[in-house]
Amino acid sequence: MAIHLVECLCVHGLPRFARNDGLFFGNLEDPMEFNKETALCETVLFLESEPVTLKGLAGKAQLSEEVTEKCLENLKEKYSAENSGIELVMITGGWCLVPKKEYWAVLKEQYGSKREGRLSRSALETLSIIAYSQPITRAEIEAIRGVGVDNMIRLLLERNLIKEVGKKEAPGRPTLFGTTKEFLRLFQLNSISELPKLDEDDQERFELAR
């Protein structure tokens, strides 16, 4: 019965969505065959404001995870073209559409404030120290910057870019700070390991302050 239904759908040219109920209407060996499914996944990613996991994307598009993976392959290939200003990237374990870095660099002055919430240079410096040295205490941050950071810490906590991650085993048990998933989303990182490498001077300065 199911096979007959699939044959009828194909004969009459109806949309061949590979549904998550196990009925595959396309050829998994040829990912480019899933044009409509790929367009559906692309639409979901466009409408979502947060990164979407493979499982989440498959559920929203009502496709199997196997087919959804093929659709993601199609989208990666599509956005890898030179005439595309958008790319498909994984951030915090989910997929999303973001501007390509070379074009974002050109447009950041116009649109950056919307994404970064107009963070001051001091706030960005403090955030950078936390990102590269986490977990880190307030006193250690101040030792690196050379100035007090109370206001910057408060601001970054309010923006949900950093969070308290524990207490240091030291006199007074000072609070340790680390970055959040919001930080990763803001800077289009899938994990902290993707941060650009520090130069030797900064690396030494950070280590001496610990």
Protein backbone atom coordinates (compact mmCIF):
# COMPACT_ATOMS: atom_id res chain seq x y z
CA MET A 1 0.00 0.00 0.00
CA ALA A 2 2.77 2.42 0.98
CA ILE A 3 4.79 1.59 -2.13
CA HIS A 4 1.75 2.15 -4.32
CA LEU A 5 1.16 5.54 -2.67
CA VAL A 6 4.76 6.61 -3.32
CA GLU A 7 4.49 5.55 -6.96
CA CYS A 8 1.28 7.54 -7.39
CA LEU A 9 2.82 10.66 -5.89
CA CYS A 10 5.84 10.43 -8.16
CA VAL A 11 3.73 9.81 -11.26
CA HIS A 12 1.55 12.84 -10.61
CA GLY A 13 4.52 15.09 -9.89
CA LEU A 14 3.50 16.04 -6.36
CA PRO A 15 6.12 17.31 -3.87
CA ARG A 16 8.36 14.40 -2.91
CA PHE A 17 9.18 15.36 0.65
CA ALA A 18 11.20 12.69 2.47
CA ARG A 19 9.09 12.57 5.59
CA ASN A 20 10.23 11.37 8.98
CA ASP A 21 7.77 8.49 8.90
CA GLY A 22 10.25 6.40 6.93
CA LEU A 23 8.92 7.07 3.42
CA PHE A 24 11.82 8.37 1.33
CA PHE A 25 10.77 9.86 -1.97
CA GLY A 26 14.24 10.82 -3.15
CA ASN A 27 17.55 9.13 -3.80
CA LEU A 28 19.84 9.42 -0.77
CA GLU A 29 22.85 8.74 -2.98
CA ASP A 30 22.16 11.98 -4.84
CA PRO A 31 21.73 14.85 -2.33
CA MET A 32 20.94 17.34 -5.10
CA GLU A 33 17.72 15.45 -5.78
CA PHE A 34 16.19 16.89 -2.62
CA ASN A 35 15.55 20.36 -4.01
CA LYS A 36 12.21 20.98 -2.33
CA GLU A 37 13.34 19.48 0.96
CA THR A 38 16.46 21.64 0.86
CA ALA A 39 14.36 24.73 0.24
CA LEU A 40 12.16 23.75 3.19
CA CYS A 41 15.17 23.43 5.52
CA GLU A 42 16.53 26.74 4.23
CA THR A 43 13.22 28.42 5.06
CA VAL A 44 13.26 27.02 8.59
CA LEU A 45 16.82 28.30 9.14
CA PHE A 46 15.87 31.71 7.78
CA LEU A 47 12.88 31.99 10.11
CA GLU A 48 14.68 30.76 13.23
CA SER A 49 16.49 33.40 15.29
CA GLU A 50 18.59 30.81 17.15
CA PRO A 51 20.85 27.99 15.91
CA VAL A 52 18.92 24.77 15.23
CA THR A 53 20.26 21.28 15.89
CA LEU A 54 20.00 18.57 13.25
CA LYS A 55 17.25 16.88 15.25
CA GLY A 56 15.42 20.17 15.75
CA LEU A 57 15.64 21.06 12.08
CA ALA A 58 14.39 17.63 11.03
CA GLY A 59 11.46 17.96 13.41
CA LYS A 60 10.46 21.44 12.26
CA ALA A 61 10.76 20.49 8.58
CA GLN A 62 9.07 17.11 9.18
CA LEU A 63 11.94 15.28 7.49
CA SER A 64 14.09 12.37 8.57
CA GLU A 65 17.47 13.25 10.07
CA GLU A 66 19.21 11.39 7.23
CA VAL A 67 17.46 13.49 4.60
CA THR A 68 17.99 16.66 6.62
CA GLU A 69 21.74 15.97 6.59
CA LYS A 70 21.60 15.76 2.80
CA CYS A 71 19.74 19.06 2.69
CA LEU A 72 22.41 20.69 4.85
CA GLU A 73 25.05 19.43 2.43
CA ASN A 74 23.12 21.06 -0.40
CA LEU A 75 22.92 24.35 1.48
CA LYS A 76 26.63 24.31 2.33
CA GLU A 77 27.44 23.87 -1.34
CA LYS A 78 24.97 26.58 -2.35
CA TYR A 79 26.37 29.15 0.07
CA SER A 80 30.00 28.32 -0.70
CA ALA A 81 29.61 30.08 -4.06
CA GLU A 82 31.46 33.38 -4.45
CA ASN A 83 28.25 35.23 -5.29
CA SER A 84 26.70 34.36 -1.92
CA GLY A 85 27.08 36.72 1.02
CA ILE A 86 25.56 34.19 3.42
CA GLU A 87 27.04 30.97 4.81
CA LEU A 88 25.73 28.02 6.78
CA VAL A 89 27.66 27.51 10.00
CA MET A 90 27.34 25.52 13.21
CA ILE A 91 27.18 27.67 16.32
CA THR A 92 26.78 26.23 19.83
CA GLY A 93 25.87 22.86 18.35
CA GLY A 94 23.16 24.17 16.00
CA TRP A 95 22.97 25.31 12.38
CA CYS A 96 22.21 28.87 11.31
CA LEU A 97 22.59 31.28 8.41
CA VAL A 98 25.03 34.15 8.99
CA PRO A 99 26.85 36.77 6.90
CA LYS A 100 30.21 35.65 5.51
CA LYS A 101 33.03 37.16 7.55
CA GLU A 102 34.54 39.15 4.70
CA TYR A 103 31.23 40.90 4.00
CA TRP A 104 30.39 41.29 7.68
CA ALA A 105 33.68 43.17 8.08
CA VAL A 106 32.46 45.70 5.51
CA LEU A 107 28.98 46.08 7.03
CA LYS A 108 29.87 45.82 10.71
CA GLU A 109 29.92 49.61 11.18
CA GLN A 110 26.29 49.82 10.05
CA TYR A 111 24.89 46.66 11.62
CA GLY A 112 27.37 45.69 14.33
CA SER A 113 25.75 47.79 17.04
CA LYS A 114 22.52 45.81 16.65
CA ARG A 115 24.30 42.54 17.33
CA GLU A 116 26.89 43.66 19.88
CA GLY A 117 24.58 45.98 21.80
CA ARG A 118 27.06 48.87 21.46
CA LEU A 119 29.65 47.32 23.74
CA SER A 120 32.41 49.77 24.59
CA ARG A 121 36.06 49.05 23.91
CA SER A 122 36.58 48.51 27.64
CA ALA A 123 33.74 45.97 27.74
CA LEU A 124 35.11 44.15 24.70
CA GLU A 125 38.59 44.03 26.22
CA THR A 126 37.19 42.60 29.45
CA LEU A 127 35.12 40.08 27.51
CA SER A 128 38.18 39.06 25.51
CA ILE A 129 40.20 38.44 28.67
CA ILE A 130 37.43 36.27 30.12
CA ALA A 131 37.02 34.33 26.88
CA TYR A 132 40.71 33.47 26.60
CA SER A 133 41.42 32.91 30.30
CA GLN A 134 38.23 31.32 31.64
CA PRO A 135 37.54 30.40 34.30
CA ILE A 136 38.97 33.61 35.74
CA THR A 137 38.37 35.79 38.79
CA ARG A 138 37.66 39.51 38.92
CA ALA A 139 41.07 40.18 40.49
CA GLU A 140 42.84 38.26 37.72
CA ILE A 141 40.98 40.26 35.07
CA GLU A 142 41.98 43.51 36.78
CA ALA A 143 45.61 42.34 36.95
CA ILE A 144 45.61 41.90 33.16
CA ARG A 145 43.76 45.15 32.36
CA GLY A 146 45.40 47.23 35.03
CA VAL A 147 42.11 48.90 36.02
CA GLY A 148 38.96 48.04 37.94
CA VAL A 149 36.36 45.99 36.05
CA ASP A 150 33.33 46.05 38.35
CA ASN A 151 31.17 48.00 35.89
CA MET A 152 32.32 45.92 32.92
CA ILE A 153 31.56 42.67 34.74
CA ARG A 154 28.11 43.93 35.67
CA LEU A 155 27.40 45.00 32.07
CA LEU A 156 28.55 41.69 30.59
CA LEU A 157 26.46 39.76 33.09
CA GLU A 158 23.41 41.86 32.17
CA ARG A 159 24.02 41.14 28.47
CA ASN A 160 24.27 37.41 29.24
CA LEU A 161 27.71 37.27 27.60
CA ILE A 162 29.39 35.95 30.76
CA LYS A 163 28.23 34.00 33.78
CA GLU A 164 29.46 32.80 37.17
CA VAL A 165 30.89 29.32 36.72
CA GLY A 166 32.09 28.51 40.23
CA LYS A 167 34.39 29.50 43.08
CA LYS A 168 38.19 29.40 43.08
CA GLU A 169 39.91 27.30 45.74
CA ALA A 170 41.70 30.30 47.21
CA PRO A 171 41.35 32.57 50.27
CA GLY A 172 37.89 34.18 50.17
CA ARG A 173 36.79 31.74 47.43
CA PRO A 174 36.45 34.42 44.73
CA THR A 175 33.89 33.95 41.95
CA LEU A 176 35.07 32.51 38.65
CA PHE A 177 33.64 33.86 35.40
CA GLY A 178 33.25 32.26 31.98
CA THR A 179 31.49 32.97 28.70
CA THR A 180 27.98 31.87 27.72
CA LYS A 181 26.27 30.41 24.67
CA GLU A 182 25.12 33.96 23.86
CA PHE A 183 28.80 34.91 23.55
CA LEU A 184 29.35 32.06 21.07
CA ARG A 185 26.30 33.12 19.05
CA LEU A 186 27.42 36.75 18.98
CA PHE A 187 30.84 35.89 17.60
CA GLN A 188 29.65 33.00 15.41
CA LEU A 189 31.62 30.30 17.22
CA ASN A 190 30.64 26.70 17.69
CA SER A 191 32.92 26.39 20.72
CA ILE A 192 35.61 28.31 22.60
CA SER A 193 38.26 26.24 20.81
CA GLU A 194 37.48 28.24 17.65
CA LEU A 195 38.74 31.52 19.13
CA PRO A 196 41.62 33.04 17.13
CA LYS A 197 45.04 32.24 18.58
CA LEU A 198 46.63 34.88 20.83
CA ASP A 199 50.00 36.32 19.86
CA GLU A 200 52.94 35.51 22.13
CA ASP A 201 52.86 38.86 23.97
CA ASP A 202 49.19 38.58 24.91
CA GLN A 203 49.59 34.92 25.83
CA GLU A 204 52.46 35.75 28.19
CA ARG A 205 50.58 38.71 29.68
CA PHE A 206 47.51 36.56 30.37
CA GLU A 207 49.58 33.78 31.96
CA LEU A 208 51.56 36.12 34.23
CA ALA A 209 48.35 37.52 35.70
CA ARG A 210 47.04 34.10 36.80
